[in-house]
Full PDB file with SEQRES, HELIX, SHEET, SSBOND, CRYST1, ORIGX, SCALE, CONECT and MASTER records, all heavy atoms in Angstrom:
SEQRES   1 A   30  GLU VAL TYR ILE GLU GLY LEU GLY TRP VAL GLU LEU GLY          
SEQRES   2 A   30  GLY ALA GLY VAL PHE ARG LYS GLU VAL THR SER PRO PHE          
SEQRES   3 A   30  GLY ILE ASP HIS                                              
HELIX    1 AA1 LYS A   20  THR A   23  1                                   4    
HELIX    2 AA2 SER A   24  PHE A   26  5                                   3    
SHEET    1 AA1 2 VAL A   2  ILE A   4  0                                        
SHEET    2 AA1 2 GLY A   8  VAL A  10 -1                                        
CRYST1    1.000    1.000    1.000  90.00  90.00  90.00 P 1           1          
ORIGX1      1.000000  0.000000  0.000000        0.00000                         
ORIGX2      0.000000  1.000000  0.000000        0.00000                         
ORIGX3      0.000000  0.000000  1.000000        0.00000                         
SCALE1      1.000000  0.000000  0.000000        0.00000                         
SCALE2      0.000000  1.000000  0.000000        0.00000                         
SCALE3      0.000000  0.000000  1.000000        0.00000                         
ATOM      1  N   GLU A   1     -24.304-181.229  89.265  1.00  0.00           N  
ATOM      2  CA  GLU A   1     -23.096-180.450  89.022  1.00  0.00           C  
ATOM      3  C   GLU A   1     -22.104-181.316  88.260  1.00  0.00           C  
ATOM      4  O   GLU A   1     -21.990-182.513  88.522  1.00  0.00           O  
ATOM      5  CB  GLU A   1     -22.460-179.988  90.346  1.00  0.00           C  
ATOM      6  CG  GLU A   1     -23.290-178.971  91.092  1.00  0.00           C  
ATOM      7  CD  GLU A   1     -22.586-178.488  92.357  1.00  0.00           C  
ATOM      8  OE1 GLU A   1     -21.710-179.218  92.861  1.00  0.00           O  
ATOM      9  OE2 GLU A   1     -22.906-177.392  92.828  1.00  0.00           O  
ATOM     10  N   VAL A   2     -21.406-180.720  87.293  1.00  0.00           N  
ATOM     11  CA  VAL A   2     -20.399-181.445  86.520  1.00  0.00           C  
ATOM     12  C   VAL A   2     -19.052-180.765  86.746  1.00  0.00           C  
ATOM     13  O   VAL A   2     -18.981-179.566  87.029  1.00  0.00           O  
ATOM     14  CB  VAL A   2     -20.739-181.482  85.018  1.00  0.00           C  
ATOM     15  CG1 VAL A   2     -22.053-182.197  84.792  1.00  0.00           C  
ATOM     16  CG2 VAL A   2     -20.778-180.073  84.428  1.00  0.00           C  
ATOM     17  N   TYR A   3     -17.993-181.541  86.621  1.00  0.00           N  
ATOM     18  CA  TYR A   3     -16.662-180.989  86.856  1.00  0.00           C  
ATOM     19  C   TYR A   3     -16.069-180.526  85.536  1.00  0.00           C  
ATOM     20  O   TYR A   3     -15.975-181.284  84.567  1.00  0.00           O  
ATOM     21  CB  TYR A   3     -15.745-182.032  87.499  1.00  0.00           C  
ATOM     22  CG  TYR A   3     -14.415-181.441  87.926  1.00  0.00           C  
ATOM     23  CD1 TYR A   3     -14.311-180.719  89.106  1.00  0.00           C  
ATOM     24  CD2 TYR A   3     -13.273-181.585  87.124  1.00  0.00           C  
ATOM     25  CE1 TYR A   3     -13.104-180.147  89.498  1.00  0.00           C  
ATOM     26  CE2 TYR A   3     -12.069-181.012  87.510  1.00  0.00           C  
ATOM     27  CZ  TYR A   3     -11.995-180.295  88.692  1.00  0.00           C  
ATOM     28  OH  TYR A   3     -10.806-179.733  89.063  1.00  0.00           O  
ATOM     29  N   ILE A   4     -15.661-179.240  85.495  1.00  0.00           N  
ATOM     30  CA  ILE A   4     -15.047-178.647  84.308  1.00  0.00           C  
ATOM     31  C   ILE A   4     -13.609-178.271  84.648  1.00  0.00           C  
ATOM     32  O   ILE A   4     -13.363-177.558  85.629  1.00  0.00           O  
ATOM     33  CB  ILE A   4     -15.803-177.385  83.845  1.00  0.00           C  
ATOM     34  CG1 ILE A   4     -17.299-177.688  83.616  1.00  0.00           C  
ATOM     35  CG2 ILE A   4     -15.170-176.805  82.589  1.00  0.00           C  
ATOM     36  CD1 ILE A   4     -17.591-178.570  82.452  1.00  0.00           C  
ATOM     37  N   GLU A   5     -12.673-178.777  83.866  1.00  0.00           N  
ATOM     38  CA  GLU A   5     -11.268-178.465  84.100  1.00  0.00           C  
ATOM     39  C   GLU A   5     -11.044-176.955  84.048  1.00  0.00           C  
ATOM     40  O   GLU A   5     -11.430-176.284  83.105  1.00  0.00           O  
ATOM     41  CB  GLU A   5     -10.407-179.149  83.032  1.00  0.00           C  
ATOM     42  CG  GLU A   5      -8.923-179.174  83.367  1.00  0.00           C  
ATOM     43  CD  GLU A   5      -8.579-180.076  84.533  1.00  0.00           C  
ATOM     44  OE1 GLU A   5      -9.193-181.167  84.649  1.00  0.00           O  
ATOM     45  OE2 GLU A   5      -7.710-179.689  85.320  1.00  0.00           O  
ATOM     46  N   GLY A   6     -10.454-176.430  85.112  1.00  0.00           N  
ATOM     47  CA  GLY A   6     -10.181-175.000  85.170  1.00  0.00           C  
ATOM     48  C   GLY A   6     -11.275-174.191  85.836  1.00  0.00           C  
ATOM     49  O   GLY A   6     -11.056-173.056  86.240  1.00  0.00           O  
ATOM     50  N   LEU A   7     -12.478-174.768  85.942  1.00  0.00           N  
ATOM     51  CA  LEU A   7     -13.602-174.073  86.573  1.00  0.00           C  
ATOM     52  C   LEU A   7     -14.061-174.743  87.852  1.00  0.00           C  
ATOM     53  O   LEU A   7     -14.704-174.120  88.693  1.00  0.00           O  
ATOM     54  CB  LEU A   7     -14.789-173.970  85.596  1.00  0.00           C  
ATOM     55  CG  LEU A   7     -14.579-173.155  84.326  1.00  0.00           C  
ATOM     56  CD1 LEU A   7     -15.823-173.233  83.445  1.00  0.00           C  
ATOM     57  CD2 LEU A   7     -14.275-171.695  84.659  1.00  0.00           C  
ATOM     58  N   GLY A   8     -13.783-176.032  87.966  1.00  0.00           N  
ATOM     59  CA  GLY A   8     -14.261-176.778  89.128  1.00  0.00           C  
ATOM     60  C   GLY A   8     -15.665-177.308  88.894  1.00  0.00           C  
ATOM     61  O   GLY A   8     -16.076-177.589  87.761  1.00  0.00           O  
ATOM     62  N   TRP A   9     -16.440-177.431  89.975  1.00  0.00           N  
ATOM     63  CA  TRP A   9     -17.808-177.951  89.876  1.00  0.00           C  
ATOM     64  C   TRP A   9     -18.760-176.849  89.439  1.00  0.00           C  
ATOM     65  O   TRP A   9     -18.790-175.767  90.011  1.00  0.00           O  
ATOM     66  CB  TRP A   9     -18.259-178.531  91.220  1.00  0.00           C  
ATOM     67  CG  TRP A   9     -17.519-179.779  91.585  1.00  0.00           C  
ATOM     68  CD1 TRP A   9     -16.455-179.894  92.426  1.00  0.00           C  
ATOM     69  CD2 TRP A   9     -17.767-181.092  91.075  1.00  0.00           C  
ATOM     70  NE1 TRP A   9     -16.026-181.195  92.487  1.00  0.00           N  
ATOM     71  CE2 TRP A   9     -16.818-181.964  91.662  1.00  0.00           C  
ATOM     72  CE3 TRP A   9     -18.695-181.630  90.183  1.00  0.00           C  
ATOM     73  CZ2 TRP A   9     -16.774-183.328  91.386  1.00  0.00           C  
ATOM     74  CZ3 TRP A   9     -18.659-182.988  89.910  1.00  0.00           C  
ATOM     75  CH2 TRP A   9     -17.706-183.816  90.500  1.00  0.00           C  
ATOM     76  N   VAL A  10     -19.530-177.152  88.400  1.00  0.00           N  
ATOM     77  CA  VAL A  10     -20.443-176.165  87.808  1.00  0.00           C  
ATOM     78  C   VAL A  10     -21.857-176.736  87.805  1.00  0.00           C  
ATOM     79  O   VAL A  10     -22.087-177.868  87.333  1.00  0.00           O  
ATOM     80  CB  VAL A  10     -20.029-175.818  86.359  1.00  0.00           C  
ATOM     81  CG1 VAL A  10     -21.024-174.848  85.743  1.00  0.00           C  
ATOM     82  CG2 VAL A  10     -18.621-175.241  86.324  1.00  0.00           C  
ATOM     83  N   GLU A  11     -22.798-175.959  88.353  1.00  0.00           N  
ATOM     84  CA  GLU A  11     -24.207-176.390  88.345  1.00  0.00           C  
ATOM     85  C   GLU A  11     -24.730-176.389  86.916  1.00  0.00           C  
ATOM     86  O   GLU A  11     -24.509-175.447  86.160  1.00  0.00           O  
ATOM     87  CB  GLU A  11     -25.034-175.440  89.229  1.00  0.00           C  
ATOM     88  CG  GLU A  11     -26.521-175.763  89.258  1.00  0.00           C  
ATOM     89  CD  GLU A  11     -27.321-174.980  88.232  1.00  0.00           C  
ATOM     90  OE1 GLU A  11     -27.070-173.783  88.063  1.00  0.00           O  
ATOM     91  OE2 GLU A  11     -28.185-175.597  87.585  1.00  0.00           O  
ATOM     92  N   LEU A  12     -25.433-177.452  86.543  1.00  0.00           N  
ATOM     93  CA  LEU A  12     -25.870-177.589  85.157  1.00  0.00           C  
ATOM     94  C   LEU A  12     -27.280-178.170  85.100  1.00  0.00           C  
ATOM     95  O   LEU A  12     -27.494-179.318  84.720  1.00  0.00           O  
ATOM     96  CB  LEU A  12     -24.893-178.492  84.392  1.00  0.00           C  
ATOM     97  CG  LEU A  12     -24.737-178.223  82.880  1.00  0.00           C  
ATOM     98  CD1 LEU A  12     -24.280-176.792  82.643  1.00  0.00           C  
ATOM     99  CD2 LEU A  12     -23.726-179.176  82.273  1.00  0.00           C  
ATOM    100  N   GLY A  13     -28.269-177.356  85.498  1.00  0.00           N  
ATOM    101  CA  GLY A  13     -29.652-177.798  85.398  1.00  0.00           C  
ATOM    102  C   GLY A  13     -30.288-178.065  86.741  1.00  0.00           C  
ATOM    103  O   GLY A  13     -29.693-177.858  87.809  1.00  0.00           O  
ATOM    104  N   GLY A  14     -31.522-178.509  86.683  1.00  0.00           N  
ATOM    105  CA  GLY A  14     -32.278-178.863  87.883  1.00  0.00           C  
ATOM    106  C   GLY A  14     -33.145-180.073  87.619  1.00  0.00           C  
ATOM    107  O   GLY A  14     -33.481-180.367  86.466  1.00  0.00           O  
ATOM    108  N   ALA A  15     -33.484-180.798  88.673  1.00  0.00           N  
ATOM    109  CA  ALA A  15     -34.255-182.033  88.494  1.00  0.00           C  
ATOM    110  C   ALA A  15     -35.044-182.344  89.760  1.00  0.00           C  
ATOM    111  O   ALA A  15     -34.772-181.784  90.834  1.00  0.00           O  
ATOM    112  CB  ALA A  15     -33.317-183.196  88.155  1.00  0.00           C  
ATOM    113  N   GLY A  16     -36.005-183.249  89.637  1.00  0.00           N  
ATOM    114  CA  GLY A  16     -36.782-183.672  90.797  1.00  0.00           C  
ATOM    115  C   GLY A  16     -37.938-184.560  90.387  1.00  0.00           C  
ATOM    116  O   GLY A  16     -38.078-184.942  89.216  1.00  0.00           O  
ATOM    117  N   VAL A  17     -38.779-184.877  91.359  1.00  0.00           N  
ATOM    118  CA  VAL A  17     -39.986-185.675  91.130  1.00  0.00           C  
ATOM    119  C   VAL A  17     -41.178-184.735  91.242  1.00  0.00           C  
ATOM    120  O   VAL A  17     -41.298-183.991  92.238  1.00  0.00           O  
ATOM    121  CB  VAL A  17     -40.096-186.814  92.169  1.00  0.00           C  
ATOM    122  CG1 VAL A  17     -41.351-187.643  91.902  1.00  0.00           C  
ATOM    123  CG2 VAL A  17     -38.852-187.695  92.136  1.00  0.00           C  
ATOM    124  N   PHE A  18     -42.060-184.729  90.237  1.00  0.00           N  
ATOM    125  CA  PHE A  18     -43.220-183.842  90.261  1.00  0.00           C  
ATOM    126  C   PHE A  18     -44.024-184.048  91.543  1.00  0.00           C  
ATOM    127  O   PHE A  18     -44.290-185.177  91.960  1.00  0.00           O  
ATOM    128  CB  PHE A  18     -44.120-184.103  89.051  1.00  0.00           C  
ATOM    129  CG  PHE A  18     -43.772-183.313  87.828  1.00  0.00           C  
ATOM    130  CD1 PHE A  18     -44.173-183.735  86.570  1.00  0.00           C  
ATOM    131  CD2 PHE A  18     -43.052-182.133  87.918  1.00  0.00           C  
ATOM    132  CE1 PHE A  18     -43.861-183.009  85.432  1.00  0.00           C  
ATOM    133  CE2 PHE A  18     -42.740-181.390  86.792  1.00  0.00           C  
ATOM    134  CZ  PHE A  18     -43.139-181.843  85.553  1.00  0.00           C  
ATOM    135  N   ARG A  19     -44.419-182.942  92.135  1.00  0.00           N  
ATOM    136  CA  ARG A  19     -45.263-182.994  93.335  1.00  0.00           C  
ATOM    137  C   ARG A  19     -46.642-183.547  92.973  1.00  0.00           C  
ATOM    138  O   ARG A  19     -47.108-183.403  91.832  1.00  0.00           O  
ATOM    139  CB  ARG A  19     -45.408-181.592  93.924  1.00  0.00           C  
ATOM    140  CG  ARG A  19     -44.128-181.001  94.429  1.00  0.00           C  
ATOM    141  CD  ARG A  19     -44.271-179.552  94.822  1.00  0.00           C  
ATOM    142  NE  ARG A  19     -45.286-179.341  95.854  1.00  0.00           N  
ATOM    143  CZ  ARG A  19     -45.266-178.305  96.704  1.00  0.00           C  
ATOM    144  NH1 ARG A  19     -44.286-177.407  96.638  1.00  0.00           N  
ATOM    145  NH2 ARG A  19     -46.212-178.160  97.606  1.00  0.00           N  
ATOM    146  N   LYS A  20     -47.291-184.133  93.957  1.00  0.00           N  
ATOM    147  CA  LYS A  20     -48.640-184.680  93.706  1.00  0.00           C  
ATOM    148  C   LYS A  20     -49.622-183.562  93.375  1.00  0.00           C  
ATOM    149  O   LYS A  20     -50.621-183.786  92.682  1.00  0.00           O  
ATOM    150  CB  LYS A  20     -49.113-185.460  94.930  1.00  0.00           C  
ATOM    151  CG  LYS A  20     -48.412-186.808  95.099  1.00  0.00           C  
ATOM    152  CD  LYS A  20     -49.038-187.622  96.221  1.00  0.00           C  
ATOM    153  CE  LYS A  20     -48.367-188.995  96.320  1.00  0.00           C  
ATOM    154  NZ  LYS A  20     -48.952-189.814  97.417  1.00  0.00           N  
ATOM    155  N   GLU A  21     -49.353-182.348  93.882  1.00  0.00           N  
ATOM    156  CA  GLU A  21     -50.227-181.220  93.552  1.00  0.00           C  
ATOM    157  C   GLU A  21     -50.213-180.935  92.048  1.00  0.00           C  
ATOM    158  O   GLU A  21     -51.160-180.338  91.522  1.00  0.00           O  
ATOM    159  CB  GLU A  21     -49.786-179.963  94.298  1.00  0.00           C  
ATOM    160  CG  GLU A  21     -50.075-179.977  95.788  1.00  0.00           C  
ATOM    161  CD  GLU A  21     -48.880-180.474  96.589  1.00  0.00           C  
ATOM    162  OE1 GLU A  21     -48.043-181.201  96.016  1.00  0.00           O  
ATOM    163  OE2 GLU A  21     -48.796-180.129  97.776  1.00  0.00           O  
ATOM    164  N   VAL A  22     -49.147-181.364  91.347  1.00  0.00           N  
ATOM    165  CA  VAL A  22     -49.045-181.174  89.900  1.00  0.00           C  
ATOM    166  C   VAL A  22     -49.710-182.318  89.149  1.00  0.00           C  
ATOM    167  O   VAL A  22     -50.437-182.102  88.171  1.00  0.00           O  
ATOM    168  CB  VAL A  22     -47.558-181.050  89.485  1.00  0.00           C  
ATOM    169  CG1 VAL A  22     -47.431-180.977  87.960  1.00  0.00           C  
ATOM    170  CG2 VAL A  22     -46.914-179.824  90.120  1.00  0.00           C  
ATOM    171  N   THR A  23     -49.469-183.538  89.590  1.00  0.00           N  
ATOM    172  CA  THR A  23     -49.931-184.710  88.822  1.00  0.00           C  
ATOM    173  C   THR A  23     -51.359-185.146  89.159  1.00  0.00           C  
ATOM    174  O   THR A  23     -52.100-185.610  88.284  1.00  0.00           O  
ATOM    175  CB  THR A  23     -48.980-185.890  89.070  1.00  0.00           C  
ATOM    176  OG1 THR A  23     -48.913-186.163  90.480  1.00  0.00           O  
ATOM    177  CG2 THR A  23     -47.583-185.581  88.560  1.00  0.00           C  
ATOM    178  N   SER A  24     -51.764-184.988  90.405  1.00  0.00           N  
ATOM    179  CA  SER A  24     -53.069-185.515  90.840  1.00  0.00           C  
ATOM    180  C   SER A  24     -54.264-184.939  90.076  1.00  0.00           C  
ATOM    181  O   SER A  24     -55.177-185.685  89.693  1.00  0.00           O  
ATOM    182  CB  SER A  24     -53.240-185.282  92.345  1.00  0.00           C  
ATOM    183  OG  SER A  24     -54.485-185.769  92.786  1.00  0.00           O  
ATOM    184  N   PRO A  25     -54.312-183.605  89.791  1.00  0.00           N  
ATOM    185  CA  PRO A  25     -55.486-183.080  89.080  1.00  0.00           C  
ATOM    186  C   PRO A  25     -55.689-183.683  87.686  1.00  0.00           C  
ATOM    187  O   PRO A  25     -56.801-183.618  87.135  1.00  0.00           O  
ATOM    188  CB  PRO A  25     -55.192-181.582  88.978  1.00  0.00           C  
ATOM    189  CG  PRO A  25     -54.265-181.296  90.100  1.00  0.00           C  
ATOM    190  CD  PRO A  25     -53.422-182.512  90.221  1.00  0.00           C  
ATOM    191  N   PHE A  26     -54.670-184.315  87.119  1.00  0.00           N  
ATOM    192  CA  PHE A  26     -54.780-184.880  85.773  1.00  0.00           C  
ATOM    193  C   PHE A  26     -54.875-186.403  85.800  1.00  0.00           C  
ATOM    194  O   PHE A  26     -54.735-187.066  84.772  1.00  0.00           O  
ATOM    195  CB  PHE A  26     -53.568-184.444  84.930  1.00  0.00           C  
ATOM    196  CG  PHE A  26     -53.458-182.954  84.776  1.00  0.00           C  
ATOM    197  CD1 PHE A  26     -52.493-182.237  85.478  1.00  0.00           C  
ATOM    198  CD2 PHE A  26     -54.350-182.252  83.969  1.00  0.00           C  
ATOM    199  CE1 PHE A  26     -52.397-180.861  85.355  1.00  0.00           C  
ATOM    200  CE2 PHE A  26     -54.259-180.879  83.851  1.00  0.00           C  
ATOM    201  CZ  PHE A  26     -53.288-180.170  84.541  1.00  0.00           C  
ATOM    202  N   GLY A  27     -55.127-186.957  86.971  1.00  0.00           N  
ATOM    203  CA  GLY A  27     -55.323-188.405  87.081  1.00  0.00           C  
ATOM    204  C   GLY A  27     -54.044-189.203  86.886  1.00  0.00           C  
ATOM    205  O   GLY A  27     -54.105-190.380  86.507  1.00  0.00           O  
ATOM    206  N   ILE A  28     -52.900-188.598  87.149  1.00  0.00           N  
ATOM    207  CA  ILE A  28     -51.617-189.298  87.019  1.00  0.00           C  
ATOM    208  C   ILE A  28     -51.285-189.898  88.385  1.00  0.00           C  
ATOM    209  O   ILE A  28     -51.075-189.179  89.364  1.00  0.00           O  
ATOM    210  CB  ILE A  28     -50.503-188.332  86.567  1.00  0.00           C  
ATOM    211  CG1 ILE A  28     -50.872-187.714  85.210  1.00  0.00           C  
ATOM    212  CG2 ILE A  28     -49.158-189.041  86.490  1.00  0.00           C  
ATOM    213  CD1 ILE A  28     -49.994-186.550  84.801  1.00  0.00           C  
ATOM    214  N   ASP A  29     -51.243-191.228  88.447  1.00  0.00           N  
ATOM    215  CA  ASP A  29     -51.098-191.919  89.728  1.00  0.00           C  
ATOM    216  C   ASP A  29     -49.700-192.461  89.980  1.00  0.00           C  
ATOM    217  O   ASP A  29     -49.464-193.086  91.015  1.00  0.00           O  
ATOM    218  CB  ASP A  29     -52.092-193.093  89.797  1.00  0.00           C  
ATOM    219  CG  ASP A  29     -53.543-192.628  89.659  1.00  0.00           C  
ATOM    220  OD1 ASP A  29     -53.840-191.532  90.183  1.00  0.00           O  
ATOM    221  OD2 ASP A  29     -54.342-193.323  89.022  1.00  0.00           O  
ATOM    222  N   HIS A  30     -48.793-192.255  89.036  1.00  0.00           N  
ATOM    223  CA  HIS A  30     -47.444-192.817  89.189  1.00  0.00           C  
ATOM    224  C   HIS A  30     -46.415-191.692  89.225  1.00  0.00           C  
ATOM    225  O   HIS A  30     -46.663-190.580  88.724  1.00  0.00           O  
ATOM    226  CB  HIS A  30     -47.142-193.775  88.026  1.00  0.00           C  
ATOM    227  CG  HIS A  30     -48.113-194.914  87.946  1.00  0.00           C  
ATOM    228  ND1 HIS A  30     -48.072-195.989  88.785  1.00  0.00           N  
ATOM    229  CD2 HIS A  30     -49.167-195.115  87.106  1.00  0.00           C  
ATOM    230  CE1 HIS A  30     -49.047-196.831  88.478  1.00  0.00           C  
ATOM    231  NE2 HIS A  30     -49.738-196.318  87.460  1.00  0.00           N  
TER     232      HIS A  30                                                      
MASTER        0    0    0    2    2    0    0    6  231    1    0    3          
END                                                                             
């Protein structure tokens, strides 16, 4: 969330760490 003058805190996107269910089938170990 970023602070916008006059609007307050505004959600701006999403983020996270890929689940192993996503990376493991492709041999991604990190």
